[in-house]
PDB file of all heavy atoms in Angstrom:
ATOM      1  N   LEU A   1      -3.593   4.336  19.136  1.00  0.00           N
ATOM      2  CA  LEU A   1      -3.047   5.595  19.649  1.00  0.00           C
ATOM      3  C   LEU A   1      -1.729   5.381  20.319  1.00  0.00           C
ATOM      4  O   LEU A   1      -1.622   4.531  21.172  1.00  0.00           O
ATOM      5  CB  LEU A   1      -4.110   6.242  20.668  1.00  0.00           C
ATOM      6  CG  LEU A   1      -3.873   7.629  21.067  1.00  0.00           C
ATOM      7  CD1 LEU A   1      -5.220   8.266  21.448  1.00  0.00           C
ATOM      8  CD2 LEU A   1      -2.928   7.775  22.224  1.00  0.00           C
ATOM      9  N   GLN A   2      -0.781   6.188  19.976  1.00  0.00           N
ATOM     10  CA  GLN A   2       0.540   5.954  20.516  1.00  0.00           C
ATOM     11  C   GLN A   2       1.212   7.430  20.719  1.00  0.00           C
ATOM     12  O   GLN A   2       1.069   8.266  19.938  1.00  0.00           O
ATOM     13  CB  GLN A   2       1.418   5.145  19.624  1.00  0.00           C
ATOM     14  CG  GLN A   2       2.738   4.675  20.222  1.00  0.00           C
ATOM     15  CD  GLN A   2       3.451   3.679  19.384  1.00  0.00           C
ATOM     16  OE1 GLN A   2       3.200   3.568  18.182  1.00  0.00           O
ATOM     17  NE2 GLN A   2       4.400   2.940  19.986  1.00  0.00           N
ATOM     18  N   LEU A   3       1.888   7.515  21.813  1.00  0.00           N
ATOM     19  CA  LEU A   3       2.632   8.765  22.124  1.00  0.00           C
ATOM     20  C   LEU A   3       4.056   8.379  22.476  1.00  0.00           C
ATOM     21  O   LEU A   3       4.317   7.437  23.247  1.00  0.00           O
ATOM     22  CB  LEU A   3       2.068   9.447  23.365  1.00  0.00           C
ATOM     23  CG  LEU A   3       0.590   9.950  23.246  1.00  0.00           C
ATOM     24  CD1 LEU A   3       0.100  10.362  24.578  1.00  0.00           C
ATOM     25  CD2 LEU A   3       0.489  11.009  22.283  1.00  0.00           C
ATOM     26  N   VAL A   4       5.014   9.052  21.854  1.00  0.00           N
ATOM     27  CA  VAL A   4       6.470   8.814  22.067  1.00  0.00           C
ATOM     28  C   VAL A   4       7.130  10.127  22.463  1.00  0.00           C
ATOM     29  O   VAL A   4       7.187  11.091  21.695  1.00  0.00           O
ATOM     30  CB  VAL A   4       7.097   8.171  20.798  1.00  0.00           C
ATOM     31  CG1 VAL A   4       8.552   7.964  21.053  1.00  0.00           C
ATOM     32  CG2 VAL A   4       6.411   6.896  20.387  1.00  0.00           C
ATOM     33  N   GLU A   5       7.671  10.148  23.642  1.00  0.00           N
ATOM     34  CA  GLU A   5       8.425  11.287  24.102  1.00  0.00           C
ATOM     35  C   GLU A   5       9.927  11.158  23.718  1.00  0.00           C
ATOM     36  O   GLU A   5      10.504  10.110  23.598  1.00  0.00           O
ATOM     37  CB  GLU A   5       8.415  11.445  25.678  1.00  0.00           C
ATOM     38  CG  GLU A   5       7.040  11.591  26.202  1.00  0.00           C
ATOM     39  CD  GLU A   5       6.446  10.335  26.721  1.00  0.00           C
ATOM     40  OE1 GLU A   5       6.864   9.230  26.229  1.00  0.00           O
ATOM     41  OE2 GLU A   5       5.557  10.326  27.636  1.00  0.00           O
ATOM     42  N   SER A   6      10.549  12.340  23.566  1.00  0.00           N
ATOM     43  CA  SER A   6      12.005  12.402  23.280  1.00  0.00           C
ATOM     44  C   SER A   6      12.544  13.698  23.723  1.00  0.00           C
ATOM     45  O   SER A   6      11.773  14.610  24.076  1.00  0.00           O
ATOM     46  CB  SER A   6      12.279  12.163  21.774  1.00  0.00           C
ATOM     47  OG  SER A   6      11.708  13.193  21.045  1.00  0.00           O
ATOM     48  N   GLY A   7      13.861  13.757  23.841  1.00  0.00           N
ATOM     49  CA  GLY A   7      14.499  15.021  24.096  1.00  0.00           C
ATOM     50  C   GLY A   7      15.030  15.136  25.536  1.00  0.00           C
ATOM     51  O   GLY A   7      15.656  16.127  25.837  1.00  0.00           O
ATOM     52  N   GLY A   8      14.852  14.132  26.391  1.00  0.00           N
ATOM     53  CA  GLY A   8      15.413  14.240  27.667  1.00  0.00           C
ATOM     54  C   GLY A   8      16.869  13.996  27.705  1.00  0.00           C
ATOM     55  O   GLY A   8      17.467  13.709  26.655  1.00  0.00           O
ATOM     56  N   GLY A   9      17.516  14.172  28.867  1.00  0.00           N
ATOM     57  CA  GLY A   9      18.917  13.960  29.030  1.00  0.00           C
ATOM     58  C   GLY A   9      19.456  14.523  30.297  1.00  0.00           C
ATOM     59  O   GLY A   9      18.719  14.930  31.112  1.00  0.00           O
ATOM     60  N   LEU A  10      20.809  14.618  30.265  1.00  0.00           N
ATOM     61  CA  LEU A  10      21.500  15.189  31.387  1.00  0.00           C
ATOM     62  C   LEU A  10      21.848  16.590  31.051  1.00  0.00           C
ATOM     63  O   LEU A  10      22.479  16.909  30.020  1.00  0.00           O
ATOM     64  CB  LEU A  10      22.739  14.479  31.672  1.00  0.00           C
ATOM     65  CG  LEU A  10      23.716  14.965  32.738  1.00  0.00           C
ATOM     66  CD1 LEU A  10      23.008  14.953  34.140  1.00  0.00           C
ATOM     67  CD2 LEU A  10      25.063  14.066  32.845  1.00  0.00           C
ATOM     68  N   VAL A  11      21.492  17.527  31.937  1.00  0.00           N
ATOM     69  CA  VAL A  11      21.743  18.959  31.695  1.00  0.00           C
ATOM     70  C   VAL A  11      22.205  19.632  32.993  1.00  0.00           C
ATOM     71  O   VAL A  11      21.827  19.192  34.083  1.00  0.00           O
ATOM     72  CB  VAL A  11      20.519  19.659  31.101  1.00  0.00           C
ATOM     73  CG1 VAL A  11      19.379  19.610  32.127  1.00  0.00           C
ATOM     74  CG2 VAL A  11      20.818  21.024  30.643  1.00  0.00           C
ATOM     75  N   GLN A  12      23.035  20.593  32.888  1.00  0.00           N
ATOM     76  CA  GLN A  12      23.509  21.354  34.096  1.00  0.00           C
ATOM     77  C   GLN A  12      22.428  22.359  34.595  1.00  0.00           C
ATOM     78  O   GLN A  12      21.568  22.786  33.783  1.00  0.00           O
ATOM     79  CB  GLN A  12      24.758  22.147  33.763  1.00  0.00           C
ATOM     80  CG  GLN A  12      25.989  21.187  33.464  1.00  0.00           C
ATOM     81  CD  GLN A  12      27.280  21.974  33.290  1.00  0.00           C
ATOM     82  OE1 GLN A  12      27.257  23.211  33.033  1.00  0.00           O
ATOM     83  NE2 GLN A  12      28.366  21.290  33.451  1.00  0.00           N
ATOM     84  N   PRO A  13      22.438  22.636  35.814  1.00  0.00           N
ATOM     85  CA  PRO A  13      21.505  23.638  36.385  1.00  0.00           C
ATOM     86  C   PRO A  13      21.619  24.940  35.570  1.00  0.00           C
ATOM     87  O   PRO A  13      22.702  25.405  35.208  1.00  0.00           O
ATOM     88  CB  PRO A  13      21.967  23.817  37.784  1.00  0.00           C
ATOM     89  CG  PRO A  13      22.643  22.521  38.171  1.00  0.00           C
ATOM     90  CD  PRO A  13      23.282  22.035  36.902  1.00  0.00           C
ATOM     91  N   GLY A  14      20.466  25.476  35.226  1.00  0.00           N
ATOM     92  CA  GLY A  14      20.375  26.700  34.467  1.00  0.00           C
ATOM     93  C   GLY A  14      20.224  26.462  32.984  1.00  0.00           C
ATOM     94  O   GLY A  14      20.027  27.411  32.224  1.00  0.00           O
ATOM     95  N   GLY A  15      20.437  25.197  32.535  1.00  0.00           N
ATOM     96  CA  GLY A  15      20.291  24.841  31.180  1.00  0.00           C
ATOM     97  C   GLY A  15      18.889  24.714  30.722  1.00  0.00           C
ATOM     98  O   GLY A  15      17.934  24.986  31.503  1.00  0.00           O
ATOM     99  N   SER A  16      18.721  24.390  29.452  1.00  0.00           N
ATOM    100  CA  SER A  16      17.404  24.283  28.814  1.00  0.00           C
ATOM    101  C   SER A  16      17.281  22.961  28.018  1.00  0.00           C
ATOM    102  O   SER A  16      18.286  22.354  27.559  1.00  0.00           O
ATOM    103  CB  SER A  16      17.180  25.411  27.883  1.00  0.00           C
ATOM    104  OG  SER A  16      17.166  26.639  28.489  1.00  0.00           O
ATOM    105  N   LEU A  17      16.042  22.489  27.961  1.00  0.00           N
ATOM    106  CA  LEU A  17      15.741  21.284  27.174  1.00  0.00           C
ATOM    107  C   LEU A  17      14.432  21.556  26.430  1.00  0.00           C
ATOM    108  O   LEU A  17      13.561  22.334  27.012  1.00  0.00           O
ATOM    109  CB  LEU A  17      15.684  20.073  27.964  1.00  0.00           C
ATOM    110  CG  LEU A  17      16.903  19.376  28.474  1.00  0.00           C
ATOM    111  CD1 LEU A  17      16.495  18.211  29.400  1.00  0.00           C
ATOM    112  CD2 LEU A  17      17.697  18.842  27.342  1.00  0.00           C
ATOM    113  N   ARG A  18      14.242  20.925  25.310  1.00  0.00           N
ATOM    114  CA  ARG A  18      12.894  20.909  24.705  1.00  0.00           C
ATOM    115  C   ARG A  18      12.516  19.453  24.491  1.00  0.00           C
ATOM    116  O   ARG A  18      13.157  18.699  23.774  1.00  0.00           O
ATOM    117  CB  ARG A  18      12.885  21.612  23.329  1.00  0.00           C
ATOM    118  CG  ARG A  18      11.420  21.756  22.848  1.00  0.00           C
ATOM    119  CD  ARG A  18      11.328  22.539  21.539  1.00  0.00           C
ATOM    120  NE  ARG A  18      11.721  21.765  20.383  1.00  0.00           N
ATOM    121  CZ  ARG A  18      11.357  22.117  19.117  1.00  0.00           C
ATOM    122  NH1 ARG A  18      10.619  23.174  18.875  1.00  0.00           N
ATOM    123  NH2 ARG A  18      11.791  21.332  18.089  1.00  0.00           N
ATOM    124  N   LEU A  19      11.452  19.105  25.226  1.00  0.00           N
ATOM    125  CA  LEU A  19      10.927  17.705  25.099  1.00  0.00           C
ATOM    126  C   LEU A  19       9.913  17.726  24.003  1.00  0.00           C
ATOM    127  O   LEU A  19       9.143  18.651  23.819  1.00  0.00           O
ATOM    128  CB  LEU A  19      10.361  17.255  26.438  1.00  0.00           C
ATOM    129  CG  LEU A  19      11.281  17.365  27.649  1.00  0.00           C
ATOM    130  CD1 LEU A  19      10.544  16.780  28.911  1.00  0.00           C
ATOM    131  CD2 LEU A  19      12.568  16.691  27.468  1.00  0.00           C
ATOM    132  N   SER A  20       9.876  16.559  23.262  1.00  0.00           N
ATOM    133  CA  SER A  20       8.866  16.377  22.265  1.00  0.00           C
ATOM    134  C   SER A  20       7.962  15.228  22.551  1.00  0.00           C
ATOM    135  O   SER A  20       8.429  14.249  23.136  1.00  0.00           O
ATOM    136  CB  SER A  20       9.514  16.217  20.869  1.00  0.00           C
ATOM    137  OG  SER A  20      10.321  17.342  20.494  1.00  0.00           O
ATOM    138  N   CYS A  21       6.812  15.268  22.155  1.00  0.00           N
ATOM    139  CA  CYS A  21       5.808  14.140  22.279  1.00  0.00           C
ATOM    140  C   CYS A  21       5.125  13.959  20.924  1.00  0.00           C
ATOM    141  O   CYS A  21       4.342  14.887  20.480  1.00  0.00           O
ATOM    142  CB  CYS A  21       4.831  14.446  23.387  1.00  0.00           C
ATOM    143  SG  CYS A  21       3.482  13.203  23.446  1.00  0.00           S
ATOM    144  N   THR A  22       5.432  12.930  20.260  1.00  0.00           N
ATOM    145  CA  THR A  22       4.857  12.715  18.848  1.00  0.00           C
ATOM    146  C   THR A  22       3.765  11.688  18.956  1.00  0.00           C
ATOM    147  O   THR A  22       3.964  10.638  19.520  1.00  0.00           O
ATOM    148  CB  THR A  22       5.958  12.301  17.872  1.00  0.00           C
ATOM    149  OG1 THR A  22       7.041  13.264  17.901  1.00  0.00           O
ATOM    150  CG2 THR A  22       5.457  12.140  16.504  1.00  0.00           C
ATOM    151  N   ALA A  23       2.714  12.073  18.331  1.00  0.00           N
ATOM    152  CA  ALA A  23       1.508  11.242  18.446  1.00  0.00           C
ATOM    153  C   ALA A  23       1.284  10.475  17.119  1.00  0.00           C
ATOM    154  O   ALA A  23       1.679  10.979  15.986  1.00  0.00           O
ATOM    155  CB  ALA A  23       0.270  12.067  18.684  1.00  0.00           C
ATOM    156  N   SER A  24       0.728   9.337  17.162  1.00  0.00           N
ATOM    157  CA  SER A  24       0.358   8.535  15.995  1.00  0.00           C
ATOM    158  C   SER A  24      -0.891   7.717  16.338  1.00  0.00           C
ATOM    159  O   SER A  24      -1.250   7.460  17.414  1.00  0.00           O
ATOM    160  CB  SER A  24       1.462   7.598  15.579  1.00  0.00           C
ATOM    161  OG  SER A  24       1.767   6.627  16.591  1.00  0.00           O
ATOM    162  N   GLY A  25      -1.671   7.462  15.226  1.00  0.00           N
ATOM    163  CA  GLY A  25      -2.860   6.644  15.423  1.00  0.00           C
ATOM    164  C   GLY A  25      -4.103   7.434  15.764  1.00  0.00           C
ATOM    165  O   GLY A  25      -5.168   6.805  15.997  1.00  0.00           O
ATOM    166  N   PHE A  26      -4.013   8.759  15.881  1.00  0.00           N
ATOM    167  CA  PHE A  26      -5.198   9.558  16.208  1.00  0.00           C
ATOM    168  C   PHE A  26      -4.973  10.967  15.699  1.00  0.00           C
ATOM    169  O   PHE A  26      -3.811  11.403  15.482  1.00  0.00           O
ATOM    170  CB  PHE A  26      -5.539   9.532  17.655  1.00  0.00           C
ATOM    171  CG  PHE A  26      -4.560  10.209  18.552  1.00  0.00           C
ATOM    172  CD1 PHE A  26      -4.812  11.453  19.170  1.00  0.00           C
ATOM    173  CD2 PHE A  26      -3.293   9.650  18.801  1.00  0.00           C
ATOM    174  CE1 PHE A  26      -3.932  12.096  20.001  1.00  0.00           C
ATOM    175  CE2 PHE A  26      -2.366  10.310  19.677  1.00  0.00           C
ATOM    176  CZ  PHE A  26      -2.695  11.522  20.232  1.00  0.00           C
ATOM    177  N   THR A  27      -6.061  11.717  15.644  1.00  0.00           N
ATOM    178  CA  THR A  27      -6.030  13.120  15.264  1.00  0.00           C
ATOM    179  C   THR A  27      -5.816  13.963  16.459  1.00  0.00           C
ATOM    180  O   THR A  27      -6.802  14.205  17.241  1.00  0.00           O
ATOM    181  CB  THR A  27      -7.308  13.603  14.510  1.00  0.00           C
ATOM    182  OG1 THR A  27      -7.451  12.682  13.346  1.00  0.00           O
ATOM    183  CG2 THR A  27      -7.213  14.970  14.033  1.00  0.00           C
ATOM    184  N   MET A  28      -4.603  14.405  16.679  1.00  0.00           N
ATOM    185  CA  MET A  28      -4.308  15.128  17.911  1.00  0.00           C
ATOM    186  C   MET A  28      -5.044  16.439  18.075  1.00  0.00           C
ATOM    187  O   MET A  28      -5.196  16.896  19.228  1.00  0.00           O
ATOM    188  CB  MET A  28      -2.723  15.429  17.968  1.00  0.00           C
ATOM    189  CG  MET A  28      -2.219  15.755  19.286  1.00  0.00           C
ATOM    190  SD  MET A  28      -0.415  16.040  19.275  1.00  0.00           S
ATOM    191  CE  MET A  28      -0.336  17.576  18.430  1.00  0.00           C
ATOM    192  N   ASP A  29      -5.510  17.074  17.046  1.00  0.00           N
ATOM    193  CA  ASP A  29      -6.134  18.308  17.041  1.00  0.00           C
ATOM    194  C   ASP A  29      -7.243  18.405  18.097  1.00  0.00           C
ATOM    195  O   ASP A  29      -7.457  19.493  18.676  1.00  0.00           O
ATOM    196  CB  ASP A  29      -6.786  18.676  15.715  1.00  0.00           C
ATOM    197  CG  ASP A  29      -5.816  18.540  14.540  1.00  0.00           C
ATOM    198  OD1 ASP A  29      -5.022  17.510  14.598  1.00  0.00           O
ATOM    199  OD2 ASP A  29      -5.842  19.314  13.665  1.00  0.00           O
ATOM    200  N   TYR A  30      -8.001  17.338  18.321  1.00  0.00           N
ATOM    201  CA  TYR A  30      -9.139  17.393  19.214  1.00  0.00           C
ATOM    202  C   TYR A  30      -8.883  16.949  20.593  1.00  0.00           C
ATOM    203  O   TYR A  30      -9.750  16.995  21.415  1.00  0.00           O
ATOM    204  CB  TYR A  30     -10.210  16.545  18.594  1.00  0.00           C
ATOM    205  CG  TYR A  30     -10.566  16.896  17.183  1.00  0.00           C
ATOM    206  CD1 TYR A  30     -10.271  16.059  16.142  1.00  0.00           C
ATOM    207  CD2 TYR A  30     -11.154  18.132  16.818  1.00  0.00           C
ATOM    208  CE1 TYR A  30     -10.486  16.331  14.809  1.00  0.00           C
ATOM    209  CE2 TYR A  30     -11.379  18.478  15.550  1.00  0.00           C
ATOM    210  CZ  TYR A  30     -11.077  17.578  14.496  1.00  0.00           C
ATOM    211  OH  TYR A  30     -11.302  17.914  13.226  1.00  0.00           O
ATOM    212  N   TYR A  31      -7.659  16.647  20.940  1.00  0.00           N
ATOM    213  CA  TYR A  31      -7.279  16.147  22.215  1.00  0.00           C
ATOM    214  C   TYR A  31      -6.701  17.156  23.121  1.00  0.00           C
ATOM    215  O   TYR A  31      -5.904  18.037  22.657  1.00  0.00           O
ATOM    216  CB  TYR A  31      -6.356  14.964  22.079  1.00  0.00           C
ATOM    217  CG  TYR A  31      -6.902  13.690  21.636  1.00  0.00           C
ATOM    218  CD1 TYR A  31      -7.513  13.556  20.351  1.00  0.00           C
ATOM    219  CD2 TYR A  31      -6.978  12.563  22.453  1.00  0.00           C
ATOM    220  CE1 TYR A  31      -8.035  12.320  19.873  1.00  0.00           C
ATOM    221  CE2 TYR A  31      -7.507  11.364  22.039  1.00  0.00           C
ATOM    222  CZ  TYR A  31      -8.076  11.241  20.795  1.00  0.00           C
ATOM    223  OH  TYR A  31      -8.598  10.069  20.380  1.00  0.00           O
ATOM    224  N   ALA A  32      -6.950  17.042  24.426  1.00  0.00           N
ATOM    225  CA  ALA A  32      -6.260  17.807  25.405  1.00  0.00           C
ATOM    226  C   ALA A  32      -4.874  17.080  25.610  1.00  0.00           C
ATOM    227  O   ALA A  32      -4.847  15.801  25.674  1.00  0.00           O
ATOM    228  CB  ALA A  32      -6.935  17.896  26.684  1.00  0.00           C
ATOM    229  N   MET A  33      -3.832  17.777  25.675  1.00  0.00           N
ATOM    230  CA  MET A  33      -2.482  17.164  25.843  1.00  0.00           C
ATOM    231  C   MET A  33      -1.904  17.605  27.160  1.00  0.00           C
ATOM    232  O   MET A  33      -1.928  18.855  27.425  1.00  0.00           O
ATOM    233  CB  MET A  33      -1.561  17.528  24.711  1.00  0.00           C
ATOM    234  CG  MET A  33      -2.080  17.208  23.297  1.00  0.00           C
ATOM    235  SD  MET A  33      -2.311  15.403  23.075  1.00  0.00           S
ATOM    236  CE  MET A  33      -0.627  14.841  23.193  1.00  0.00           C
ATOM    237  N   GLY A  34      -1.354  16.752  27.919  1.00  0.00           N
ATOM    238  CA  GLY A  34      -0.764  17.091  29.209  1.00  0.00           C
ATOM    239  C   GLY A  34       0.714  16.652  29.369  1.00  0.00           C
ATOM    240  O   GLY A  34       1.030  15.665  28.805  1.00  0.00           O
ATOM    241  N   TRP A  35       1.419  17.411  30.104  1.00  0.00           N
ATOM    242  CA  TRP A  35       2.766  16.974  30.492  1.00  0.00           C
ATOM    243  C   TRP A  35       2.708  16.683  32.009  1.00  0.00           C
ATOM    244  O   TRP A  35       2.276  17.575  32.810  1.00  0.00           O
ATOM    245  CB  TRP A  35       3.803  17.981  30.149  1.00  0.00           C
ATOM    246  CG  TRP A  35       4.295  17.924  28.756  1.00  0.00           C
ATOM    247  CD1 TRP A  35       3.861  18.762  27.705  1.00  0.00           C
ATOM    248  CD2 TRP A  35       5.206  17.068  28.144  1.00  0.00           C
ATOM    249  NE1 TRP A  35       4.509  18.456  26.553  1.00  0.00           N
ATOM    250  CE2 TRP A  35       5.324  17.405  26.804  1.00  0.00           C
ATOM    251  CE3 TRP A  35       5.969  16.007  28.618  1.00  0.00           C
ATOM    252  CZ2 TRP A  35       6.225  16.708  25.916  1.00  0.00           C
ATOM    253  CZ3 TRP A  35       6.829  15.357  27.780  1.00  0.00           C
ATOM    254  CH2 TRP A  35       6.926  15.727  26.434  1.00  0.00           C
TER     255      TRP A  35
END
């Protein structure tokens, strides 16, 4: 089971970001996912 986050960075106040967490090695459907 592996989780890899991406999408972080430097952003100005008021800006937006979308972080991603990609899973491998397991069927994510049955898991609770937390940030």
